[in-house]
Amino acid sequence: MAQILLNAATTTGAGTAWHPRDTSAVATYVQHSFQATGYTSTSTGAATVLIQVSNDGVNYITLGTITLTLGTSVTSDGFAAANTWEYYRANLSAISGTGATVSVYMKG
């Protein structure tokens, strides 16, 4: 089951950090895939999501960036990475558009 790193975010900022020990998953240090989805209620917009990682839960670096062009239909993009970080979070660094909403999921 995928972890939700951001759930219907409408403003910029980092979501709650996720640590593999927060789940009962057996294989937590494997390849991870990240997917962002978003839409607007009218017209168009854009969003930038930073997937950030940390080993101490305090100091984060950017593993990858997902850029979405938003519209009234859901758009999606993502990437996969082989890594062994202790903490993961999504940071919505930019969002625009009327009623713009972004969610981010992680699997792995």
C-alpha atoms as a PDB file:
ATOM      1  CA  MET A   1       0.000   0.000   0.000  1.00  0.00           C
ATOM      2  CA  ALA A   2       1.281   3.467  -0.860  1.00  0.00           C
ATOM      3  CA  GLN A   3       2.168   6.009   1.810  1.00  0.00           C
ATOM      4  CA  ILE A   4       0.472   9.391   1.486  1.00  0.00           C
ATOM      5  CA  LEU A   5       3.116  12.106   1.847  1.00  0.00           C
ATOM      6  CA  LEU A   6       0.755  15.002   0.991  1.00  0.00           C
ATOM      7  CA  ASN A   7      -3.022  14.732   1.009  1.00  0.00           C
ATOM      8  CA  ALA A   8      -4.941  17.307  -1.068  1.00  0.00           C
ATOM      9  CA  ALA A   9      -2.492  20.115  -0.220  1.00  0.00           C
ATOM     10  CA  THR A  10      -3.551  23.613  -1.262  1.00  0.00           C
ATOM     11  CA  THR A  11      -0.682  25.678   0.171  1.00  0.00           C
ATOM     12  CA  THR A  12       3.095  25.435   0.016  1.00  0.00           C
ATOM     13  CA  GLY A  13       5.085  23.658   2.693  1.00  0.00           C
ATOM     14  CA  ALA A  14       6.446  20.303   3.764  1.00  0.00           C
ATOM     15  CA  GLY A  15       4.210  17.425   4.707  1.00  0.00           C
ATOM     16  CA  THR A  16       4.766  15.222   7.729  1.00  0.00           C
ATOM     17  CA  ALA A  17       7.933  13.137   7.478  1.00  0.00           C
ATOM     18  CA  TRP A  18       7.488   9.393   7.043  1.00  0.00           C
ATOM     19  CA  HIS A  19       9.881   6.830   8.483  1.00  0.00           C
ATOM     20  CA  PRO A  20       9.856   3.159   7.386  1.00  0.00           C
ATOM     21  CA  ARG A  21       9.314   2.106  11.000  1.00  0.00           C
ATOM     22  CA  ASP A  22       5.954   3.887  10.795  1.00  0.00           C
ATOM     23  CA  THR A  23       4.541   0.964   8.821  1.00  0.00           C
ATOM     24  CA  SER A  24       4.329  -2.786   9.164  1.00  0.00           C
ATOM     25  CA  ALA A  25       5.819  -3.275   5.694  1.00  0.00           C
ATOM     26  CA  VAL A  26       8.424  -6.025   5.601  1.00  0.00           C
ATOM     27  CA  ALA A  27      10.732  -4.559   2.926  1.00  0.00           C
ATOM     28  CA  THR A  28      11.217  -0.904   3.784  1.00  0.00           C
ATOM     29  CA  TYR A  29      14.700  -0.244   2.378  1.00  0.00           C
ATOM     30  CA  VAL A  30      14.163  -0.931  -1.302  1.00  0.00           C
ATOM     31  CA  GLN A  31      13.398   0.995  -4.431  1.00  0.00           C
ATOM     32  CA  HIS A  32      10.842   3.720  -3.908  1.00  0.00           C
ATOM     33  CA  SER A  33       8.477   5.306  -6.375  1.00  0.00           C
ATOM     34  CA  PHE A  34       6.962   8.750  -5.928  1.00  0.00           C
ATOM     35  CA  GLN A  35       3.823  10.027  -7.657  1.00  0.00           C
ATOM     36  CA  ALA A  36       2.228  13.455  -7.487  1.00  0.00           C
ATOM     37  CA  THR A  37      -1.291  14.153  -8.697  1.00  0.00           C
ATOM     38  CA  GLY A  38      -3.110  17.444  -8.929  1.00  0.00           C
ATOM     39  CA  TYR A  39      -5.874  19.485 -10.498  1.00  0.00           C
ATOM     40  CA  THR A  40      -7.619  22.861 -10.430  1.00  0.00           C
ATOM     41  CA  SER A  41     -11.309  23.614 -10.079  1.00  0.00           C
ATOM     42  CA  THR A  42     -11.221  25.966 -13.097  1.00  0.00           C
ATOM     43  CA  SER A  43      -8.700  27.018 -15.737  1.00  0.00           C
ATOM     44  CA  THR A  44      -5.033  26.021 -15.361  1.00  0.00           C
ATOM     45  CA  GLY A  45      -2.237  26.133 -12.830  1.00  0.00           C
ATOM     46  CA  ALA A  46       1.074  24.571 -11.881  1.00  0.00           C
ATOM     47  CA  ALA A  47       2.741  22.833  -8.965  1.00  0.00           C
ATOM     48  CA  THR A  48       6.280  21.906  -7.972  1.00  0.00           C
ATOM     49  CA  VAL A  49       6.883  19.136  -5.451  1.00  0.00           C
ATOM     50  CA  LEU A  50      10.260  18.424  -3.886  1.00  0.00           C
ATOM     51  CA  ILE A  51      10.737  14.871  -2.666  1.00  0.00           C
ATOM     52  CA  GLN A  52      13.076  15.278   0.283  1.00  0.00           C
ATOM     53  CA  VAL A  53      15.067  12.770   2.327  1.00  0.00           C
ATOM     54  CA  SER A  54      17.029  12.807   5.566  1.00  0.00           C
ATOM     55  CA  ASN A  55      18.918  10.456   7.846  1.00  0.00           C
ATOM     56  CA  ASP A  56      18.459  12.550  10.993  1.00  0.00           C
ATOM     57  CA  GLY A  57      14.871  13.757  10.495  1.00  0.00           C
ATOM     58  CA  VAL A  58      15.964  17.391  10.769  1.00  0.00           C
ATOM     59  CA  ASN A  59      18.180  18.265   7.819  1.00  0.00           C
ATOM     60  CA  TYR A  60      16.578  17.414   4.469  1.00  0.00           C
ATOM     61  CA  ILE A  61      17.993  17.295   0.945  1.00  0.00           C
ATOM     62  CA  THR A  62      16.056  17.066  -2.307  1.00  0.00           C
ATOM     63  CA  LEU A  63      16.056  13.598  -3.881  1.00  0.00           C
ATOM     64  CA  GLY A  64      13.997  14.704  -6.881  1.00  0.00           C
ATOM     65  CA  THR A  65      11.522  17.252  -8.202  1.00  0.00           C
ATOM     66  CA  ILE A  66       8.091  16.656  -9.720  1.00  0.00           C
ATOM     67  CA  THR A  67       6.570  19.455 -11.803  1.00  0.00           C
ATOM     68  CA  LEU A  68       2.875  19.350 -12.713  1.00  0.00           C
ATOM     69  CA  THR A  69       0.862  21.411 -15.173  1.00  0.00           C
ATOM     70  CA  LEU A  70      -2.579  21.515 -13.576  1.00  0.00           C
ATOM     71  CA  GLY A  71      -5.977  21.635 -15.219  1.00  0.00           C
ATOM     72  CA  THR A  72      -9.531  20.575 -14.454  1.00  0.00           C
ATOM     73  CA  SER A  73      -8.601  16.934 -15.197  1.00  0.00           C
ATOM     74  CA  VAL A  74      -6.182  15.205 -12.841  1.00  0.00           C
ATOM     75  CA  THR A  75      -2.567  15.260 -14.009  1.00  0.00           C
ATOM     76  CA  SER A  76       0.181  13.051 -12.656  1.00  0.00           C
ATOM     77  CA  ASP A  77       3.933  12.521 -12.822  1.00  0.00           C
ATOM     78  CA  GLY A  78       6.599  10.828 -10.763  1.00  0.00           C
ATOM     79  CA  PHE A  79       9.889   8.981 -10.568  1.00  0.00           C
ATOM     80  CA  ALA A  80      11.555   5.989  -8.933  1.00  0.00           C
ATOM     81  CA  ALA A  81      14.808   5.807  -6.986  1.00  0.00           C
ATOM     82  CA  ALA A  82      16.871   3.129  -5.279  1.00  0.00           C
ATOM     83  CA  ASN A  83      17.825   4.548  -1.892  1.00  0.00           C
ATOM     84  CA  THR A  84      18.107   3.854   1.821  1.00  0.00           C
ATOM     85  CA  TRP A  85      17.196   7.096   3.577  1.00  0.00           C
ATOM     86  CA  GLU A  86      15.658   7.089   7.037  1.00  0.00           C
ATOM     87  CA  TYR A  87      12.997   9.774   6.456  1.00  0.00           C
ATOM     88  CA  TYR A  88      10.937  10.859   3.454  1.00  0.00           C
ATOM     89  CA  ARG A  89       8.680  13.837   2.940  1.00  0.00           C
ATOM     90  CA  ALA A  90       7.056  15.814   0.142  1.00  0.00           C
ATOM     91  CA  ASN A  91       7.493  19.570   0.108  1.00  0.00           C
ATOM     92  CA  LEU A  92       5.068  21.538  -2.072  1.00  0.00           C
ATOM     93  CA  SER A  93       7.338  24.409  -3.055  1.00  0.00           C
ATOM     94  CA  ALA A  94       4.950  26.124  -5.501  1.00  0.00           C
ATOM     95  CA  ILE A  95       1.262  25.898  -6.387  1.00  0.00           C
ATOM     96  CA  SER A  96      -0.964  28.103  -8.527  1.00  0.00           C
ATOM     97  CA  GLY A  97      -4.432  28.004 -10.042  1.00  0.00           C
ATOM     98  CA  THR A  98      -7.966  28.397  -8.803  1.00  0.00           C
ATOM     99  CA  GLY A  99      -8.788  25.611  -6.363  1.00  0.00           C
ATOM    100  CA  ALA A 100      -5.444  23.903  -7.029  1.00  0.00           C
ATOM    101  CA  THR A 101      -4.879  20.708  -5.056  1.00  0.00           C
ATOM    102  CA  VAL A 102      -1.894  18.322  -4.975  1.00  0.00           C
ATOM    103  CA  SER A 103      -1.409  14.882  -3.393  1.00  0.00           C
ATOM    104  CA  VAL A 104       1.821  12.875  -3.236  1.00  0.00           C
ATOM    105  CA  TYR A 105       2.189   9.136  -2.773  1.00  0.00           C
ATOM    106  CA  MET A 106       5.222   6.924  -2.104  1.00  0.00           C
ATOM    107  CA  LYS A 107       5.490   3.191  -2.654  1.00  0.00           C
ATOM    108  CA  GLY A 108       8.372   1.033  -1.549  1.00  0.00           C
END
